[in-house]
């Protein structure tokens, strides 16, 4: 099942931490062909691929108001209360990310500032399939609304009966989203990227998905459509020392393994006894899961690593750059200072990754596949552009004009110099 490593040498780390391999050339060829069909034939192509891949022939792609109203009544009071709590916490966290506009005088009479402006048109991809992720709609829809995006398009696949999961529709109406389309997979990314007769074109696409969806996002990105990040299969790394609770750690590993067969889990423990205890708990808990077959396949991609030295352990974890990193230790807060590469960090024995997925308030749309070395997770900033402004008066151009002239001359850009010179001469 899993692979065990005891005090591996650094030159082995790359092979040990390798993610499940994907044939990118073949994948991109398949995905690219679908995208081109959608680009050329719009709604007709979307319906054709929806019938082929999702097994449902749709007359209308857009979810009606009647369908949304019906869905609200199908969601239990208990779940509605849970979603309300999550909505509150996610809203509080993302509202706090708003920046106050500050004007700065860099030199006398030279005023500069930065203004946050919402991206006008955004597309949110919400996975359906084996696990309809209504929580992702909370994570993407709430900051999009807070940012003030004027057009928000939601795409999510329908079931065999042409119905969207009622909880997804409940969340949509709860946060004020109305443009919802019954489209999944590559065709959904294509519809939002290029626009169709029914689906409006957007400027940036958000949301996780399988390898096909990820490839589609990366391909449309090459054509000038912005994306949140190249996120792929979900993953978790757990650091566990002698203070860790083996049952908790096993539950955390399995919570990621059940996402999909291509998910990956990594345990870095300070001793073999911890690894042994966690393995026993994994076996005991696995058989109780409704998605045990999926989790078992994901465990084939897992690694159990023993590293006694704390510094070395976190060097390895930073090299892995996990989407989710759990530090199962009494010293979690102190150890957290050693983290430089991770999508989101969960400190201590009572901070399971699940709370970040649903209700603590942080965003669960995070970089995977090592992209946490350079990418951040989704935040309010993801839905905003920052535009810089500058305003100079007569004293301002006098104060820095000669310096600009000197620099433009040194670069051989005479027109740049002259744009300053003509102003200085006018004073």
Protein backbone atom coordinates (compact mmCIF):
# COMPACT_ATOMS: atom_id res chain seq x y z
CA UNK A 1 0.00 0.00 0.00
CA UNK A 2 2.04 2.98 1.26
CA UNK A 3 5.80 3.43 0.96
CA UNK A 4 8.00 3.60 4.07
CA UNK A 5 11.26 5.53 4.33
CA UNK A 6 13.53 5.81 7.35
CA UNK A 7 15.87 8.80 7.47
CA UNK A 8 16.07 9.15 3.68
CA UNK A 9 19.01 11.07 2.24
CA UNK A 10 18.29 14.44 0.65
CA UNK A 11 19.16 13.17 -2.81
CA UNK A 12 16.25 10.70 -2.42
CA UNK A 13 13.68 13.32 -1.51
CA UNK A 14 12.71 14.20 -5.09
CA UNK A 15 11.79 10.60 -5.92
CA UNK A 16 10.03 10.03 -2.59
CA UNK A 17 7.91 13.17 -2.88
CA UNK A 18 7.03 12.80 -6.55
CA UNK A 19 3.36 13.33 -7.29
CA UNK A 20 1.38 10.80 -9.38
CA UNK A 21 2.57 11.14 -12.97
CA UNK A 22 0.32 12.42 -15.76
CA UNK A 23 0.90 12.11 -19.51
CA UNK A 24 0.62 15.84 -20.18
CA UNK A 25 1.08 15.65 -23.96
CA UNK A 26 -1.76 13.18 -24.44
CA UNK A 27 -3.94 14.98 -21.90
CA UNK A 28 -3.47 18.39 -23.53
CA UNK A 29 -4.23 16.98 -26.98
CA UNK A 30 -7.55 15.55 -25.76
CA UNK A 31 -8.48 18.66 -23.80
CA UNK A 32 -7.37 21.05 -26.54
CA UNK A 33 -9.64 19.37 -29.09
CA UNK A 34 -12.67 19.79 -26.82
CA UNK A 35 -11.84 23.43 -26.14
CA UNK A 36 -11.60 24.18 -29.86
CA UNK A 37 -15.00 22.58 -30.46
CA UNK A 38 -16.55 24.74 -27.75
CA UNK A 39 -14.80 27.82 -29.12
CA UNK A 40 -16.17 27.20 -32.62
CA UNK A 41 -19.61 25.75 -31.92
CA UNK A 42 -20.59 27.21 -28.54
CA UNK A 43 -23.74 25.82 -26.93
CA UNK A 44 -24.05 22.97 -29.44
CA UNK A 45 -20.59 21.65 -28.53
CA UNK A 46 -21.26 22.11 -24.81
CA UNK A 47 -24.46 20.05 -25.03
CA UNK A 48 -22.75 17.41 -27.16
CA UNK A 49 -19.93 16.88 -24.65
CA UNK A 50 -22.32 17.03 -21.70
CA UNK A 51 -24.31 14.19 -23.25
CA UNK A 52 -21.13 12.20 -23.92
CA UNK A 53 -19.35 12.69 -20.60
CA UNK A 54 -22.17 13.30 -18.11
CA UNK A 55 -24.81 11.10 -19.72
CA UNK A 56 -27.50 13.76 -19.84
CA UNK A 57 -29.05 15.63 -22.77
CA UNK A 58 -29.90 19.17 -21.76
CA UNK A 59 -32.35 21.48 -23.49
CA UNK A 60 -31.48 24.43 -21.27
CA UNK A 61 -28.02 25.04 -19.84
CA UNK A 62 -28.96 27.77 -17.37
CA UNK A 63 -30.54 26.85 -14.05
CA UNK A 64 -34.00 28.38 -13.74
CA UNK A 65 -35.35 30.36 -10.79
CA UNK A 66 -37.90 27.59 -10.25
CA UNK A 67 -35.13 25.00 -9.91
CA UNK A 68 -33.37 27.19 -7.34
CA UNK A 69 -36.60 27.66 -5.36
CA UNK A 70 -37.23 23.91 -5.40
CA UNK A 71 -33.68 23.18 -4.20
CA UNK A 72 -34.01 25.41 -1.14
CA UNK A 73 -36.76 23.19 0.23
CA UNK A 74 -34.65 20.06 -0.22
CA UNK A 75 -31.88 21.17 2.13
CA UNK A 76 -32.23 20.21 5.77
CA UNK A 77 -32.49 22.81 8.51
CA UNK A 78 -29.40 21.34 10.18
CA UNK A 79 -27.28 21.69 7.03
CA UNK A 80 -28.58 25.21 6.41
CA UNK A 81 -27.42 26.20 9.90
CA UNK A 82 -23.96 24.72 9.24
CA UNK A 83 -23.70 26.59 5.95
CA UNK A 84 -24.77 29.84 7.63
CA UNK A 85 -21.95 29.47 10.16
CA UNK A 86 -19.44 28.77 7.40
CA UNK A 87 -20.72 31.76 5.42
CA UNK A 88 -20.30 34.03 8.44
CA UNK A 89 -16.73 32.92 9.15
CA UNK A 90 -15.63 33.02 5.52
CA UNK A 91 -17.16 36.49 5.15
CA UNK A 92 -15.46 37.82 8.29
CA UNK A 93 -12.05 36.51 7.19
CA UNK A 94 -12.29 37.85 3.64
CA UNK A 95 -13.86 41.20 4.60
CA UNK A 96 -10.79 41.78 6.79
CA UNK A 97 -8.59 41.52 3.68
CA UNK A 98 -9.88 44.79 2.25
CA UNK A 99 -7.16 47.41 1.89
CA UNK A 100 -7.52 51.09 2.69
CA UNK A 101 -6.35 53.33 -0.13
CA UNK A 102 -3.29 55.32 1.00
CA UNK A 103 -1.76 58.22 -0.89
CA UNK A 104 2.00 58.53 -0.41
CA UNK A 105 4.20 61.52 -1.20
CA UNK A 106 7.45 59.89 -2.34
CA UNK A 107 9.07 63.27 -3.08
CA UNK A 108 7.58 66.69 -2.42
CA UNK A 109 4.62 67.20 -4.80
CA UNK A 110 4.95 63.65 -6.18
CA UNK A 111 1.88 61.73 -5.09
CA UNK A 112 1.43 57.98 -5.69
CA UNK A 113 -1.21 55.48 -4.61
CA UNK A 114 -2.78 52.13 -5.43
CA UNK A 115 -6.46 51.41 -5.97
CA UNK A 116 -8.19 48.05 -5.69
CA UNK A 117 -10.64 47.39 -8.53
CA UNK A 118 -12.77 44.27 -8.84
CA UNK A 119 -12.31 42.02 -11.87
CA UNK A 120 -15.58 42.62 -13.72
CA UNK A 121 -16.34 39.12 -15.04
CA UNK A 122 -15.31 35.93 -13.23
CA UNK A 123 -16.18 32.27 -13.69
CA UNK A 124 -16.46 29.82 -10.82
CA UNK A 125 -16.07 26.11 -11.54
CA UNK A 126 -17.70 23.92 -8.90
CA UNK A 127 -16.90 20.19 -9.18
CA UNK A 128 -19.78 17.74 -9.12
CA UNK A 129 -19.21 14.09 -9.88
CA UNK A 130 -18.55 11.84 -6.90
CA UNK A 131 -18.48 14.76 -4.43
CA UNK A 132 -20.49 17.91 -5.28
CA UNK A 133 -18.41 20.59 -3.57
CA UNK A 134 -20.92 23.18 -2.40
CA UNK A 135 -18.23 24.35 0.04
CA UNK A 136 -16.14 25.50 -2.94
CA UNK A 137 -18.99 27.76 -4.00
CA UNK A 138 -18.86 29.39 -0.56
CA UNK A 139 -15.09 29.79 -0.83
CA UNK A 140 -15.22 31.39 -4.28
CA UNK A 141 -18.60 33.10 -4.34
CA UNK A 142 -18.22 35.00 -1.07
CA UNK A 143 -14.94 36.79 -1.89
CA UNK A 144 -16.20 37.45 -5.44
CA UNK A 145 -19.23 39.21 -3.97
CA UNK A 146 -17.16 41.09 -1.39
CA UNK A 147 -14.75 42.24 -4.12
CA UNK A 148 -17.67 43.59 -6.12
CA UNK A 149 -17.30 41.54 -9.33
CA UNK A 150 -20.13 42.73 -11.58
CA UNK A 151 -20.72 39.42 -13.37
CA UNK A 152 -20.21 36.05 -11.68
CA UNK A 153 -20.77 32.91 -13.73
CA UNK A 154 -21.08 29.52 -12.00
CA UNK A 155 -20.62 26.22 -13.86
CA UNK A 156 -21.25 22.85 -12.23
CA UNK A 157 -22.24 19.50 -13.76
CA UNK A 158 -25.77 18.12 -13.61
CA UNK A 159 -26.67 14.56 -12.67
CA UNK A 160 -28.20 11.99 -15.05
CA UNK A 161 -31.59 13.65 -14.55
CA UNK A 162 -30.33 17.08 -15.48
CA UNK A 163 -30.46 18.29 -11.89
CA UNK A 164 -27.85 20.27 -9.96
CA UNK A 165 -27.12 19.19 -6.39
CA UNK A 166 -29.70 21.13 -4.33
CA UNK A 167 -27.13 22.24 -1.74
CA UNK A 168 -25.08 23.96 -4.45
CA UNK A 169 -28.18 25.86 -5.56
CA UNK A 170 -29.06 26.71 -1.96
CA UNK A 171 -25.58 28.17 -1.40
CA UNK A 172 -25.80 30.11 -4.67
CA UNK A 173 -29.00 31.88 -3.68
CA UNK A 174 -27.74 32.40 -0.13
CA UNK A 175 -24.79 34.46 -1.32
CA UNK A 176 -26.66 36.13 -4.17
CA UNK A 177 -25.45 34.24 -7.28
CA UNK A 178 -27.92 33.85 -10.14
CA UNK A 179 -25.99 32.91 -13.30
CA UNK A 180 -25.64 29.16 -12.77
CA UNK A 181 -25.10 26.71 -15.63
CA UNK A 182 -25.41 22.91 -15.79
CA UNK A 183 -21.99 22.38 -17.32
CA UNK A 184 -19.01 20.45 -16.04
CA UNK A 185 -15.58 19.33 -17.16
CA UNK A 186 -13.51 20.77 -19.99
CA UNK A 187 -16.61 22.08 -21.77
CA UNK A 188 -17.42 24.27 -18.77
CA UNK A 189 -13.96 25.84 -18.81
CA UNK A 190 -14.26 26.39 -22.54
CA UNK A 191 -17.73 27.95 -22.22
CA UNK A 192 -16.52 30.46 -19.62
CA UNK A 193 -13.27 31.19 -21.46
CA UNK A 194 -14.75 31.83 -24.90
CA UNK A 195 -18.40 32.53 -24.19
CA UNK A 196 -21.30 30.79 -25.95
CA UNK A 197 -24.78 31.85 -26.95
CA UNK A 198 -25.88 31.13 -23.38
CA UNK A 199 -22.78 31.43 -21.19
CA UNK A 200 -21.08 34.85 -20.91
CA UNK A 201 -17.33 35.06 -21.45
CA UNK A 202 -15.32 35.84 -18.32
CA UNK A 203 -11.89 37.36 -17.65
CA UNK A 204 -10.72 34.95 -14.93
CA UNK A 205 -11.65 31.38 -14.04
CA UNK A 206 -11.55 29.93 -10.53
CA UNK A 207 -12.07 26.51 -9.02
CA UNK A 208 -10.53 23.08 -8.54
CA UNK A 209 -11.11 20.06 -10.72
CA UNK A 210 -9.70 16.81 -12.04
CA UNK A 211 -6.70 16.58 -14.35
CA UNK A 212 -8.86 17.42 -17.40
CA UNK A 213 -10.28 20.57 -15.83
CA UNK A 214 -6.81 21.61 -14.65
CA UNK A 215 -5.36 21.09 -18.14
CA UNK A 216 -8.23 23.08 -19.66
CA UNK A 217 -7.58 25.99 -17.31
CA UNK A 218 -3.89 25.97 -18.17
CA UNK A 219 -4.60 25.88 -21.91
CA UNK A 220 -7.07 28.79 -21.88
CA UNK A 221 -4.60 30.67 -19.69
CA UNK A 222 -2.17 30.55 -22.63
CA UNK A 223 -4.84 32.33 -24.68
CA UNK A 224 -5.08 35.22 -22.23
CA UNK A 225 -7.81 34.06 -19.83
CA UNK A 226 -6.56 34.44 -16.26
CA UNK A 227 -6.91 31.54 -13.81
CA UNK A 228 -6.64 31.36 -10.04
CA UNK A 229 -3.84 28.76 -10.06
CA UNK A 230 -2.96 25.45 -11.73
CA UNK A 231 -4.50 23.39 -8.92
CA UNK A 232 -4.70 19.62 -9.39
CA UNK A 233 -5.47 16.59 -7.21
CA UNK A 234 -5.77 17.30 -3.48
CA UNK A 235 -2.97 16.47 -1.04
CA UNK A 236 -1.99 16.66 2.61
CA UNK A 237 1.24 16.33 4.57
CA UNK A 238 1.21 15.67 8.30
CA UNK A 239 4.10 16.20 10.70
CA UNK A 240 3.68 14.06 13.83
CA UNK A 241 5.92 13.82 16.89
CA UNK A 242 5.61 11.78 20.08
CA UNK A 243 2.78 14.04 21.33
CA UNK A 244 0.56 13.27 18.33
CA UNK A 245 -2.67 11.30 18.58
CA UNK A 246 -2.42 8.43 16.06
CA UNK A 247 -6.20 8.30 15.55
CA UNK A 248 -6.30 12.02 14.74
CA UNK A 249 -3.41 11.72 12.29
CA UNK A 250 -4.95 8.71 10.53
CA UNK A 251 -8.26 10.55 10.20
CA UNK A 252 -6.46 13.54 8.65
CA UNK A 253 -4.65 11.36 6.12
CA UNK A 254 -7.87 9.60 5.14
CA UNK A 255 -9.80 12.87 4.85
CA UNK A 256 -7.60 13.76 1.90
CA UNK A 257 -7.30 10.26 0.50
CA UNK A 258 -11.08 10.08 0.03
CA UNK A 259 -11.05 13.10 -2.32
CA UNK A 260 -9.93 11.00 -5.28
CA UNK A 261 -7.80 8.09 -6.39
CA UNK A 262 -5.15 10.55 -7.58
CA UNK A 263 -4.93 12.35 -4.21
CA UNK A 264 -1.72 12.02 -2.21
CA UNK A 265 -0.95 11.89 1.51
CA UNK A 266 2.43 12.16 3.20
CA UNK A 267 3.28 11.47 6.84
CA UNK A 268 6.55 12.73 8.31
CA UNK A 269 6.99 11.27 11.81
CA UNK A 270 9.79 11.48 14.35
CA UNK A 271 9.84 7.71 15.02
CA UNK A 272 8.86 4.33 13.57
CA UNK A 273 6.54 3.70 16.50
CA UNK A 274 4.42 6.71 15.48
CA UNK A 275 4.23 5.41 11.90
CA UNK A 276 3.17 1.99 13.15
CA UNK A 277 0.44 3.41 15.36
CA UNK A 278 -0.89 5.61 12.56
CA UNK A 279 -0.97 2.69 10.11
CA UNK A 280 -3.06 0.62 12.51
CA UNK A 281 -5.53 3.49 12.84
CA UNK A 282 -5.65 4.00 9.07
CA UNK A 283 -6.58 0.34 8.57
CA UNK A 284 -9.24 0.48 11.29
CA UNK A 285 -10.81 3.71 10.01
CA UNK A 286 -10.57 2.94 6.30
CA UNK A 287 -13.08 0.07 6.39
CA UNK A 288 -15.69 2.39 7.91
CA UNK A 289 -15.59 4.93 5.08
CA UNK A 290 -18.27 5.13 2.39
CA UNK A 291 -15.53 6.08 -0.08
CA UNK A 292 -13.06 3.43 1.11
CA UNK A 293 -12.27 2.16 -2.40
CA UNK A 294 -11.24 5.65 -3.52
CA UNK A 295 -9.24 6.27 -0.34
CA UNK A 296 -7.47 2.92 -0.68
CA UNK A 297 -6.35 3.78 -4.22
CA UNK A 298 -5.07 7.16 -3.05
CA UNK A 299 -3.05 5.47 -0.32
CA UNK A 300 -1.04 3.80 -3.09
CA UNK A 301 0.42 7.27 -3.71
CA UNK A 302 1.24 7.84 -0.04
CA UNK A 303 4.58 7.99 1.76
CA UNK A 304 5.36 7.36 5.43
CA UNK A 305 8.67 8.97 6.30
CA UNK A 306 10.65 8.82 9.55
CA UNK A 307 12.93 11.79 10.26
CA UNK A 308 13.98 12.35 13.85
CA UNK A 309 15.63 15.75 13.39
CA UNK A 310 13.02 18.54 13.39
CA UNK A 311 14.97 20.91 11.13
CA UNK A 312 15.53 18.20 8.53
CA UNK A 313 11.88 17.15 8.70
CA UNK A 314 10.71 20.67 7.88
CA UNK A 315 13.28 21.03 5.12
CA UNK A 316 11.64 18.01 3.50
CA UNK A 317 8.14 19.38 4.11
CA UNK A 318 9.09 22.72 2.59
CA UNK A 319 10.51 20.89 -0.41
CA UNK A 320 7.20 19.03 -0.80
CA UNK A 321 5.22 22.29 -0.47
CA UNK A 322 1.92 20.64 0.45
CA UNK A 323 -1.49 22.04 -0.32
CA UNK A 324 -2.42 21.28 3.31
CA UNK A 325 0.14 20.89 6.10
CA UNK A 326 -0.90 19.65 9.52
CA UNK A 327 1.51 19.95 12.45
CA UNK A 328 0.41 17.39 15.04
CA UNK A 329 2.53 18.45 17.99
CA UNK A 330 2.31 20.18 21.35
CA UNK A 331 4.87 22.61 19.88
CA UNK A 332 2.86 23.27 16.73
CA UNK A 333 2.85 27.06 17.03
CA UNK A 334 6.64 27.14 17.42
CA UNK A 335 7.14 24.64 14.60
CA UNK A 336 4.86 26.66 12.36
CA UNK A 337 7.57 29.31 12.11
CA UNK A 338 9.66 26.78 10.14
CA UNK A 339 7.08 26.59 7.35
CA UNK A 340 7.89 28.57 4.20
CA UNK A 341 6.09 26.50 1.54
CA UNK A 342 2.49 25.39 2.08
CA UNK A 343 -0.97 26.30 0.88
CA UNK A 344 -2.58 26.31 4.33
CA UNK A 345 -1.21 25.23 7.72
CA UNK A 346 -3.16 23.57 10.55
CA UNK A 347 -1.54 23.89 13.97
CA UNK A 348 -1.97 21.46 16.85
CA UNK A 349 -4.05 18.42 17.67
CA UNK A 350 -7.47 20.05 17.30
CA UNK A 351 -7.04 21.73 13.90
CA UNK A 352 -8.04 19.09 11.32
CA UNK A 353 -7.79 20.02 7.66
CA UNK A 354 -11.57 19.61 7.45
CA UNK A 355 -12.18 22.85 9.35
CA UNK A 356 -10.32 24.79 6.68
CA UNK A 357 -12.30 22.98 4.00
CA UNK A 358 -15.57 24.14 5.48
CA UNK A 359 -15.97 26.60 8.29
CA UNK A 360 -12.92 28.13 10.00
CA UNK A 361 -13.04 31.03 7.54
CA UNK A 362 -9.83 30.52 5.53
CA UNK A 363 -10.11 29.68 1.85
CA UNK A 364 -9.79 26.06 0.75
CA UNK A 365 -8.91 26.76 -2.89
CA UNK A 366 -5.17 26.19 -2.59
CA UNK A 367 -2.08 25.47 -4.72
CA UNK A 368 -1.22 21.79 -5.21
CA UNK A 369 1.51 19.82 -6.96
CA UNK A 370 4.29 21.90 -5.36
CA UNK A 371 2.92 25.23 -6.62
CA UNK A 372 2.77 26.42 -2.99
CA UNK A 373 6.42 27.36 -3.48
CA UNK A 374 5.28 30.31 -5.55
CA UNK A 375 1.46 30.56 -5.42
CA UNK A 376 -0.94 31.62 -2.69
CA UNK A 377 -4.39 30.22 -2.10
CA UNK A 378 -7.47 32.14 -3.23
CA UNK A 379 -8.19 35.30 -1.25
CA UNK A 380 -10.02 38.57 -1.76
CA UNK A 381 -6.99 39.75 -3.75
CA UNK A 382 -7.63 36.98 -6.27
CA UNK A 383 -10.76 38.81 -7.42
CA UNK A 384 -9.15 42.24 -7.50
CA UNK A 385 -6.73 44.13 -9.72
CA UNK A 386 -4.42 46.70 -8.17
CA UNK A 387 -4.07 49.83 -10.30
CA UNK A 388 -1.36 52.34 -9.46
CA UNK A 389 -1.82 56.11 -9.82
CA UNK A 390 0.59 59.05 -9.74
CA UNK A 391 0.04 62.76 -9.77
CA UNK A 392 2.80 65.37 -10.02
CA UNK A 393 2.45 69.10 -9.68
CA UNK A 394 4.90 71.70 -11.00
CA UNK A 395 7.17 71.27 -7.98
CA UNK A 396 7.00 67.52 -8.39
CA UNK A 397 8.25 67.50 -11.99
CA UNK A 398 10.96 69.98 -10.97
CA UNK A 399 12.07 67.76 -8.11
CA UNK A 400 12.48 64.51 -10.05
CA UNK A 401 12.51 65.62 -13.70
CA UNK A 402 16.29 65.91 -14.10
CA UNK A 403 16.78 62.44 -12.64
CA UNK A 404 14.26 60.96 -15.06
CA UNK A 405 16.02 62.72 -17.94
CA UNK A 406 19.37 61.25 -16.88
CA UNK A 407 17.99 57.73 -16.66
CA UNK A 408 16.17 57.96 -20.01
CA UNK A 409 19.35 59.23 -21.67
CA UNK A 410 21.35 56.34 -20.22
CA UNK A 411 18.88 53.89 -21.77
CA UNK A 412 18.91 55.70 -25.10
CA UNK A 413 15.22 56.57 -24.97
CA UNK A 414 15.14 60.14 -26.21
CA UNK A 415 11.36 60.45 -26.39
CA UNK A 416 11.11 59.41 -22.76
CA UNK A 417 13.54 62.18 -21.85
CA UNK A 418 11.71 64.70 -24.01
CA UNK A 419 8.36 63.99 -22.33
CA UNK A 420 9.96 65.47 -19.18
CA UNK A 421 12.08 68.13 -20.89
CA UNK A 422 9.13 69.83 -22.62
CA UNK A 423 7.40 70.14 -19.27
CA UNK A 424 10.43 71.52 -17.49
CA UNK A 425 10.90 74.11 -20.23
CA UNK A 426 7.29 75.23 -19.84
CA UNK A 427 7.76 76.14 -16.17
